[in-house]
Structure formats: structure tokens, C-alpha cells
Amino acid sequence: MTFADESVDRLFELAIQAENTARDLYLSLARKFAGYPEVVKFWQQVAADEVFHAQKLQEIRDAAPSEQLAAPADPNVLLQARYVSQFSVEKALAAIRDLQAAINLASDLENSEMNAIFEFLITTFNHDAAAVAFVLSQLRHHLNRFMEFPNQFGDAYHCRAIKVLN
């Protein structure tokens, strides 16, 4: 492992990769539930949120001075980011048979270290308080989507009845 592997820049790289991986997962879930327009719309919305998250991280990374990016990253956050980077969309999708399983998977991902890393980077490296507040409000809205979405289908029993198509 080199010094660059422990830098703030590497932490941004891993965090952006995690957001893009989440996007890929949600777009794949949209395809799996192609016969259910309201379900497809949900997965597409949360995928768009992940695109927004990745863009915000990239903007902050691009604006950061090179000395800051070369500095050592917080070792605990970097360890979390490395763990999140091991998530496999293909492996996760293989176990999805119904909407409840998809919701559980997404909930696990959203409640993993991924959003904690995102929030850490946004609040630590963005010095525009209004921009930080806006992005954090968008993150809360994103997380609320996952809490509200299943309610339109009833309980877990009803969500299990909505099967993947492929």
C-alpha cells in the first residue's frame, strides 16, 4: 500500500465509486421490476439521487487544493470506504426475488457506512455552509424515500408478492 492509497484524494475516489455503485444497483433493480411502473420510478429516482451525490463529491474534490487531497485521510473513514468499495452489485442482485428483498438490500446499503462517508466528506471539505446544508437536506430527502416507498404497497407480505421479472 502506498501513501497515495491513504490520501484524502483516495477517500474521495472510493466515496464516488460507492455512489456510482449504488446508482448501478438501483438502475438494475429498476430493470428487474420493469413490469411495475411505480417501482421502476422509485428505483430511477434513487439512482438519480446517487448521481447527484457523486457529482457533489466530485465538485468538492475538484475544488480542493492539491495539498489537501494529498494529505492523509482519516484512517477510520478510509477503512469504512474500503469496506464499502467491496460491495458487488451482481452478487447482491442474485439474491433478489421480490420487492421486499430489494427494499431490504437497499436499506442495508443506505444504512451502511456509505452515507456516513458521504456526510463526512461533505461537511469536512466543503466550506460553504449553505451548500452543505442543501446537500445534507437532499441526503435526508433521499433516505426518507426509502422509509416512505414501501408504504404504498402495504406491509412486507404485499411487497414479497411483487416478484422480479428477470
C-alpha atoms as a PDB file:
ATOM      1  CA  MET A   1       0.000   0.000   0.000  1.00  0.00           C
ATOM      2  CA  THR A   2       1.393   3.386  -0.959  1.00  0.00           C
ATOM      3  CA  PHE A   3       0.948   6.762   0.678  1.00  0.00           C
ATOM      4  CA  ALA A   4      -1.447   7.771  -2.142  1.00  0.00           C
ATOM      5  CA  ASP A   5      -3.676   4.848  -1.136  1.00  0.00           C
ATOM      6  CA  GLU A   6      -4.179   6.580   2.227  1.00  0.00           C
ATOM      7  CA  SER A   7      -4.818  10.102   0.953  1.00  0.00           C
ATOM      8  CA  VAL A   8      -7.897  12.285   1.065  1.00  0.00           C
ATOM      9  CA  ASP A   9      -7.955  12.002  -2.724  1.00  0.00           C
ATOM     10  CA  ARG A  10      -8.218   8.210  -2.434  1.00  0.00           C
ATOM     11  CA  LEU A  11     -11.042   8.623   0.069  1.00  0.00           C
ATOM     12  CA  PHE A  12     -12.926  10.797  -2.424  1.00  0.00           C
ATOM     13  CA  GLU A  13     -12.264   8.235  -5.148  1.00  0.00           C
ATOM     14  CA  LEU A  14     -13.706   5.423  -3.040  1.00  0.00           C
ATOM     15  CA  ALA A  15     -16.715   7.505  -1.991  1.00  0.00           C
ATOM     16  CA  ILE A  16     -17.522   8.478  -5.576  1.00  0.00           C
ATOM     17  CA  GLN A  17     -17.142   4.840  -6.584  1.00  0.00           C
ATOM     18  CA  ALA A  18     -19.620   3.854  -3.831  1.00  0.00           C
ATOM     19  CA  GLU A  19     -22.185   6.391  -5.054  1.00  0.00           C
ATOM     20  CA  ASN A  20     -21.799   5.103  -8.624  1.00  0.00           C
ATOM     21  CA  THR A  21     -22.147   1.516  -7.420  1.00  0.00           C
ATOM     22  CA  ALA A  22     -25.374   2.411  -5.610  1.00  0.00           C
ATOM     23  CA  ARG A  23     -26.615   4.069  -8.808  1.00  0.00           C
ATOM     24  CA  ASP A  24     -25.845   0.907 -10.767  1.00  0.00           C
ATOM     25  CA  LEU A  25     -27.655  -1.215  -8.197  1.00  0.00           C
ATOM     26  CA  TYR A  26     -30.784   0.936  -8.315  1.00  0.00           C
ATOM     27  CA  LEU A  27     -30.859   1.053 -12.105  1.00  0.00           C
ATOM     28  CA  SER A  28     -30.502  -2.735 -12.146  1.00  0.00           C
ATOM     29  CA  LEU A  29     -33.382  -3.026  -9.700  1.00  0.00           C
ATOM     30  CA  ALA A  30     -35.477  -0.794 -11.967  1.00  0.00           C
ATOM     31  CA  ARG A  31     -34.855  -3.269 -14.790  1.00  0.00           C
ATOM     32  CA  LYS A  32     -35.727  -6.235 -12.557  1.00  0.00           C
ATOM     33  CA  PHE A  33     -39.114  -4.694 -11.762  1.00  0.00           C
ATOM     34  CA  ALA A  34     -39.822  -3.414 -15.285  1.00  0.00           C
ATOM     35  CA  GLY A  35     -43.441  -4.585 -15.138  1.00  0.00           C
ATOM     36  CA  TYR A  36     -44.244  -2.307 -12.205  1.00  0.00           C
ATOM     37  CA  PRO A  37     -44.046   1.347 -13.330  1.00  0.00           C
ATOM     38  CA  GLU A  38     -44.308   2.809  -9.815  1.00  0.00           C
ATOM     39  CA  VAL A  39     -41.473   0.563  -8.629  1.00  0.00           C
ATOM     40  CA  VAL A  40     -39.328   1.449 -11.658  1.00  0.00           C
ATOM     41  CA  LYS A  41     -39.935   5.147 -10.996  1.00  0.00           C
ATOM     42  CA  PHE A  42     -38.765   4.770  -7.394  1.00  0.00           C
ATOM     43  CA  TRP A  43     -35.532   2.974  -8.312  1.00  0.00           C
ATOM     44  CA  GLN A  44     -34.835   5.541 -11.038  1.00  0.00           C
ATOM     45  CA  GLN A  45     -35.384   8.396  -8.571  1.00  0.00           C
ATOM     46  CA  VAL A  46     -32.975   6.993  -6.020  1.00  0.00           C
ATOM     47  CA  ALA A  47     -30.453   6.247  -8.788  1.00  0.00           C
ATOM     48  CA  ALA A  48     -30.682   9.928  -9.794  1.00  0.00           C
ATOM     49  CA  ASP A  49     -30.029  10.858  -6.156  1.00  0.00           C
ATOM     50  CA  GLU A  50     -26.842   8.786  -6.263  1.00  0.00           C
ATOM     51  CA  VAL A  51     -25.743  10.623  -9.423  1.00  0.00           C
ATOM     52  CA  PHE A  52     -26.280  13.901  -7.550  1.00  0.00           C
ATOM     53  CA  HIS A  53     -24.215  12.616  -4.598  1.00  0.00           C
ATOM     54  CA  ALA A  54     -21.349  11.567  -6.857  1.00  0.00           C
ATOM     55  CA  GLN A  55     -21.432  14.931  -8.649  1.00  0.00           C
ATOM     56  CA  LYS A  56     -21.294  16.843  -5.360  1.00  0.00           C
ATOM     57  CA  LEU A  57     -18.350  14.782  -4.170  1.00  0.00           C
ATOM     58  CA  GLN A  58     -16.564  15.326  -7.486  1.00  0.00           C
ATOM     59  CA  GLU A  59     -17.191  19.089  -7.298  1.00  0.00           C
ATOM     60  CA  ILE A  60     -15.715  19.273  -3.805  1.00  0.00           C
ATOM     61  CA  ARG A  61     -12.777  17.105  -4.857  1.00  0.00           C
ATOM     62  CA  ASP A  62     -12.137  19.290  -7.915  1.00  0.00           C
ATOM     63  CA  ALA A  63     -12.210  22.448  -5.791  1.00  0.00           C
ATOM     64  CA  ALA A  64      -9.882  21.105  -3.098  1.00  0.00           C
ATOM     65  CA  PRO A  65      -6.259  22.244  -3.108  1.00  0.00           C
ATOM     66  CA  SER A  66      -3.805  19.548  -4.156  1.00  0.00           C
ATOM     67  CA  GLU A  67      -2.114  19.681  -0.738  1.00  0.00           C
ATOM     68  CA  GLN A  68      -5.412  18.860   0.929  1.00  0.00           C
ATOM     69  CA  LEU A  69      -6.043  15.942  -1.427  1.00  0.00           C
ATOM     70  CA  ALA A  70      -2.535  14.596  -0.841  1.00  0.00           C
ATOM     71  CA  ALA A  71      -2.927  14.743   2.945  1.00  0.00           C
ATOM     72  CA  PRO A  72      -3.519  11.517   4.858  1.00  0.00           C
ATOM     73  CA  ALA A  73      -7.189  10.595   5.137  1.00  0.00           C
ATOM     74  CA  ASP A  74      -8.888   9.831   8.416  1.00  0.00           C
ATOM     75  CA  PRO A  75      -7.900   6.161   8.866  1.00  0.00           C
ATOM     76  CA  ASN A  76     -11.286   5.082  10.254  1.00  0.00           C
ATOM     77  CA  VAL A  77     -13.235   6.700   7.424  1.00  0.00           C
ATOM     78  CA  LEU A  78     -10.806   5.281   4.878  1.00  0.00           C
ATOM     79  CA  LEU A  79     -11.276   1.807   6.353  1.00  0.00           C
ATOM     80  CA  GLN A  80     -15.055   2.206   6.050  1.00  0.00           C
ATOM     81  CA  ALA A  81     -14.696   3.371   2.443  1.00  0.00           C
ATOM     82  CA  ARG A  82     -12.550   0.378   1.566  1.00  0.00           C
ATOM     83  CA  TYR A  83     -15.161  -1.915   3.091  1.00  0.00           C
ATOM     84  CA  VAL A  84     -17.984  -0.264   1.112  1.00  0.00           C
ATOM     85  CA  SER A  85     -15.936  -0.496  -2.092  1.00  0.00           C
ATOM     86  CA  GLN A  86     -16.110  -4.287  -1.879  1.00  0.00           C
ATOM     87  CA  PHE A  87     -19.890  -4.301  -2.450  1.00  0.00           C
ATOM     88  CA  SER A  88     -20.812  -6.341  -5.527  1.00  0.00           C
ATOM     89  CA  VAL A  89     -23.923  -5.331  -7.448  1.00  0.00           C
ATOM     90  CA  GLU A  90     -24.016  -8.654  -9.318  1.00  0.00           C
ATOM     91  CA  LYS A  91     -23.740 -10.708  -6.153  1.00  0.00           C
ATOM     92  CA  ALA A  92     -26.379  -8.623  -4.381  1.00  0.00           C
ATOM     93  CA  LEU A  93     -28.800  -8.828  -7.309  1.00  0.00           C
ATOM     94  CA  ALA A  94     -28.512 -12.602  -7.488  1.00  0.00           C
ATOM     95  CA  ALA A  95     -30.398 -12.906  -4.205  1.00  0.00           C
ATOM     96  CA  ILE A  96     -33.261 -10.566  -5.124  1.00  0.00           C
ATOM     97  CA  ARG A  97     -36.523 -12.368  -5.880  1.00  0.00           C
ATOM     98  CA  ASP A  98     -39.122  -9.817  -4.751  1.00  0.00           C
ATOM     99  CA  LEU A  99     -39.627  -6.195  -3.807  1.00  0.00           C
ATOM    100  CA  GLN A 100     -39.231  -6.807  -0.080  1.00  0.00           C
ATOM    101  CA  ALA A 101     -35.787  -8.338  -0.642  1.00  0.00           C
ATOM    102  CA  ALA A 102     -34.856  -5.366  -2.842  1.00  0.00           C
ATOM    103  CA  ILE A 103     -36.027  -2.909  -0.200  1.00  0.00           C
ATOM    104  CA  ASN A 104     -34.071  -4.762   2.470  1.00  0.00           C
ATOM    105  CA  LEU A 105     -30.945  -4.718   0.310  1.00  0.00           C
ATOM    106  CA  ALA A 106     -31.283  -1.000  -0.406  1.00  0.00           C
ATOM    107  CA  SER A 107     -31.946  -0.266   3.251  1.00  0.00           C
ATOM    108  CA  ASP A 108     -28.834  -2.182   4.268  1.00  0.00           C
ATOM    109  CA  LEU A 109     -26.775  -0.299   1.702  1.00  0.00           C
ATOM    110  CA  GLU A 110     -28.181   3.091   2.643  1.00  0.00           C
ATOM    111  CA  ASN A 111     -27.635   2.415   6.333  1.00  0.00           C
ATOM    112  CA  SER A 112     -24.107   1.155   5.771  1.00  0.00           C
ATOM    113  CA  GLU A 113     -21.032   3.295   6.044  1.00  0.00           C
ATOM    114  CA  MET A 114     -21.736   4.760   2.587  1.00  0.00           C
ATOM    115  CA  ASN A 115     -23.855   7.705   3.727  1.00  0.00           C
ATOM    116  CA  ALA A 116     -21.669   8.319   6.769  1.00  0.00           C
ATOM    117  CA  ILE A 117     -18.659   8.669   4.453  1.00  0.00           C
ATOM    118  CA  PHE A 118     -20.626  10.955   2.134  1.00  0.00           C
ATOM    119  CA  GLU A 119     -21.706  13.166   5.040  1.00  0.00           C
ATOM    120  CA  PHE A 120     -18.152  13.239   6.442  1.00  0.00           C
ATOM    121  CA  LEU A 121     -16.708  14.395   3.128  1.00  0.00           C
ATOM    122  CA  ILE A 122     -19.445  16.965   2.523  1.00  0.00           C
ATOM    123  CA  THR A 123     -19.128  18.525   5.976  1.00  0.00           C
ATOM    124  CA  THR A 124     -15.343  18.310   6.281  1.00  0.00           C
ATOM    125  CA  PHE A 125     -14.219  19.513   2.861  1.00  0.00           C
ATOM    126  CA  ASN A 126     -16.988  21.863   1.730  1.00  0.00           C
ATOM    127  CA  HIS A 127     -16.597  25.268   3.366  1.00  0.00           C
ATOM    128  CA  ASP A 128     -19.810  26.783   2.003  1.00  0.00           C
ATOM    129  CA  ALA A 129     -22.301  26.389   4.862  1.00  0.00           C
ATOM    130  CA  ALA A 130     -25.331  26.962   2.625  1.00  0.00           C
ATOM    131  CA  ALA A 131     -24.127  24.332   0.148  1.00  0.00           C
ATOM    132  CA  VAL A 132     -23.513  21.852   2.970  1.00  0.00           C
ATOM    133  CA  ALA A 133     -26.996  22.450   4.377  1.00  0.00           C
ATOM    134  CA  PHE A 134     -28.537  21.960   0.933  1.00  0.00           C
ATOM    135  CA  VAL A 135     -26.690  18.716   0.225  1.00  0.00           C
ATOM    136  CA  LEU A 136     -27.490  17.344   3.673  1.00  0.00           C
ATOM    137  CA  SER A 137     -31.173  18.187   3.183  1.00  0.00           C
ATOM    138  CA  GLN A 138     -31.037  16.308  -0.123  1.00  0.00           C
ATOM    139  CA  LEU A 139     -29.476  13.341   1.681  1.00  0.00           C
ATOM    140  CA  ARG A 140     -32.285  13.352   4.269  1.00  0.00           C
ATOM    141  CA  HIS A 141     -34.852  13.502   1.462  1.00  0.00           C
ATOM    142  CA  HIS A 142     -33.084  10.581  -0.231  1.00  0.00           C
ATOM    143  CA  LEU A 143     -33.185   8.494   2.948  1.00  0.00           C
ATOM    144  CA  ASN A 144     -36.834   9.398   3.560  1.00  0.00           C
ATOM    145  CA  ARG A 145     -37.721   7.963   0.153  1.00  0.00           C
ATOM    146  CA  PHE A 146     -36.705   4.530   1.425  1.00  0.00           C
ATOM    147  CA  MET A 147     -38.877   4.880   4.509  1.00  0.00           C
ATOM    148  CA  GLU A 148     -41.953   6.066   2.595  1.00  0.00           C
ATOM    149  CA  PHE A 149     -41.766   3.943  -0.548  1.00  0.00           C
ATOM    150  CA  PRO A 150     -42.861   0.528   0.817  1.00  0.00           C
ATOM    151  CA  ASN A 151     -45.943   2.068   2.443  1.00  0.00           C
ATOM    152  CA  GLN A 152     -47.667   2.435  -0.910  1.00  0.00           C
ATOM    153  CA  PHE A 153     -47.654  -1.343  -1.326  1.00  0.00           C
ATOM    154  CA  GLY A 154     -48.750  -2.293   2.173  1.00  0.00           C
ATOM    155  CA  ASP A 155     -46.792  -4.465   4.516  1.00  0.00           C
ATOM    156  CA  ALA A 156     -43.844  -6.767   3.879  1.00  0.00           C
ATOM    157  CA  TYR A 157     -46.230  -9.556   2.837  1.00  0.00           C
ATOM    158  CA  HIS A 158     -47.515  -7.441  -0.051  1.00  0.00           C
ATOM    159  CA  CYS A 159     -44.010  -6.367  -1.024  1.00  0.00           C
ATOM    160  CA  ARG A 160     -42.950 -10.025  -1.175  1.00  0.00           C
ATOM    161  CA  ALA A 161     -45.796 -10.623  -3.650  1.00  0.00           C
ATOM    162  CA  ILE A 162     -44.184  -8.231  -6.144  1.00  0.00           C
ATOM    163  CA  LYS A 163     -41.726 -10.518  -7.911  1.00  0.00           C
ATOM    164  CA  VAL A 164     -38.774  -9.644 -10.133  1.00  0.00           C
ATOM    165  CA  LEU A 165     -39.359 -10.223 -13.813  1.00  0.00           C
ATOM    166  CA  ASN A 166     -35.873 -11.288 -14.799  1.00  0.00           C
END
